């Protein structure tokens, strides 16, 4: 009986769709002197939206950087087109 329950639990978990990777691009600033940067982050598992990206960025940005705007969220298929523009801030935080 126990092995049957374990098998059912495993099958139920295996049937769940795998969550696709989620990324966000954003703009941030640093004061005195004013510096701006554009970057890309990977979001943790969970919602893939601007609200989740804002929460993640506010907790991750360091070195005096302040979030200005979450530009958008996207899947792995949008990484290559943003890599060059983000430069050193590509998946940095």
Protein backbone atom coordinates (compact mmCIF):
# COMPACT_ATOMS: atom_id res chain seq x y z
CA UNK A 1 0.00 0.00 0.00
CA UNK A 2 2.77 2.42 0.95
CA UNK A 3 4.71 1.78 -2.26
CA UNK A 4 1.53 2.32 -4.27
CA UNK A 5 1.02 5.71 -2.60
CA UNK A 6 4.62 6.66 -3.25
CA UNK A 7 4.24 5.66 -6.88
CA UNK A 8 1.09 7.75 -7.22
CA UNK A 9 2.76 10.73 -5.59
CA UNK A 10 5.75 10.42 -7.93
CA UNK A 11 3.48 10.19 -10.98
CA UNK A 12 1.52 13.24 -9.85
CA UNK A 13 4.72 15.26 -9.45
CA UNK A 14 6.06 14.08 -12.77
CA UNK A 15 2.84 15.17 -14.47
CA UNK A 16 3.24 18.78 -13.30
CA UNK A 17 4.60 21.04 -16.00
CA UNK A 18 8.16 22.18 -15.44
CA UNK A 19 8.30 25.88 -14.71
CA UNK A 20 10.12 27.71 -17.44
CA UNK A 21 12.96 30.03 -16.53
CA UNK A 22 11.90 33.63 -16.07
CA UNK A 23 14.03 36.73 -16.56
CA UNK A 24 13.49 40.46 -16.23
CA UNK A 25 15.26 43.46 -17.65
CA UNK A 26 15.45 46.64 -15.63
CA UNK A 27 16.97 50.10 -15.27
CA UNK A 28 18.75 51.27 -12.13
CA UNK A 29 20.61 54.35 -10.93
CA UNK A 30 23.30 55.30 -8.49
CA UNK A 31 23.63 58.85 -7.08
CA UNK A 32 26.64 61.05 -6.42
CA UNK A 33 27.81 60.89 -9.13
CA UNK A 34 24.78 59.92 -11.16
CA UNK A 35 25.27 56.59 -12.94
CA UNK A 36 22.68 54.55 -14.83
CA UNK A 37 22.64 50.94 -15.90
CA UNK A 38 20.44 48.48 -17.75
CA UNK A 39 20.54 44.88 -16.57
CA UNK A 40 18.97 41.43 -16.76
CA UNK A 41 18.22 39.13 -13.81
CA UNK A 42 16.86 35.63 -13.47
CA UNK A 43 13.82 35.42 -11.23
CA UNK A 44 13.32 32.63 -8.71
CA UNK A 45 10.56 30.08 -9.23
CA UNK A 46 7.20 31.71 -8.84
CA UNK A 47 5.27 34.33 -10.73
CA UNK A 48 6.92 35.72 -13.83
CA UNK A 49 5.74 39.31 -13.72
CA UNK A 50 6.92 42.85 -13.03
CA UNK A 51 5.80 42.72 -9.39
CA UNK A 52 7.95 39.63 -8.70
CA UNK A 53 10.87 41.22 -10.57
CA UNK A 54 10.56 44.42 -8.52
CA UNK A 55 10.64 42.46 -5.26
CA UNK A 56 13.66 40.42 -6.38
CA UNK A 57 15.58 43.46 -7.57
CA UNK A 58 14.94 45.51 -4.44
CA UNK A 59 16.43 42.72 -2.34
CA UNK A 60 19.36 41.97 -4.70
CA UNK A 61 20.66 45.30 -5.98
CA UNK A 62 23.71 46.38 -4.05
CA UNK A 63 26.50 48.95 -4.17
CA UNK A 64 24.05 51.86 -3.80
CA UNK A 65 22.01 50.96 -6.89
CA UNK A 66 18.33 51.91 -6.82
CA UNK A 67 15.73 50.33 -9.06
CA UNK A 68 14.17 52.80 -11.48
CA UNK A 69 12.01 50.54 -13.62
CA UNK A 70 11.33 46.94 -14.51
CA UNK A 71 11.23 47.03 -18.29
CA UNK A 72 9.60 43.62 -18.67
CA UNK A 73 9.74 39.90 -18.06
CA UNK A 74 10.54 37.20 -20.59
CA UNK A 75 11.67 33.61 -21.05
CA UNK A 76 15.02 32.15 -22.00
CA UNK A 77 14.33 32.89 -25.66
CA UNK A 78 14.83 36.61 -24.97
CA UNK A 79 18.25 36.36 -23.34
CA UNK A 80 20.48 36.53 -26.41
CA UNK A 81 18.95 39.74 -27.72
CA UNK A 82 19.58 41.48 -24.36
CA UNK A 83 23.05 40.13 -23.53
CA UNK A 84 25.13 42.80 -25.30
CA UNK A 85 22.98 45.70 -24.13
CA UNK A 86 23.18 44.61 -20.47
CA UNK A 87 26.97 44.17 -20.63
CA UNK A 88 28.42 43.61 -17.14
CA UNK A 89 24.90 43.70 -15.62
CA UNK A 90 23.76 40.63 -17.56
CA UNK A 91 22.67 38.16 -14.85
CA UNK A 92 24.89 39.98 -12.32
CA UNK A 93 22.33 40.31 -9.52
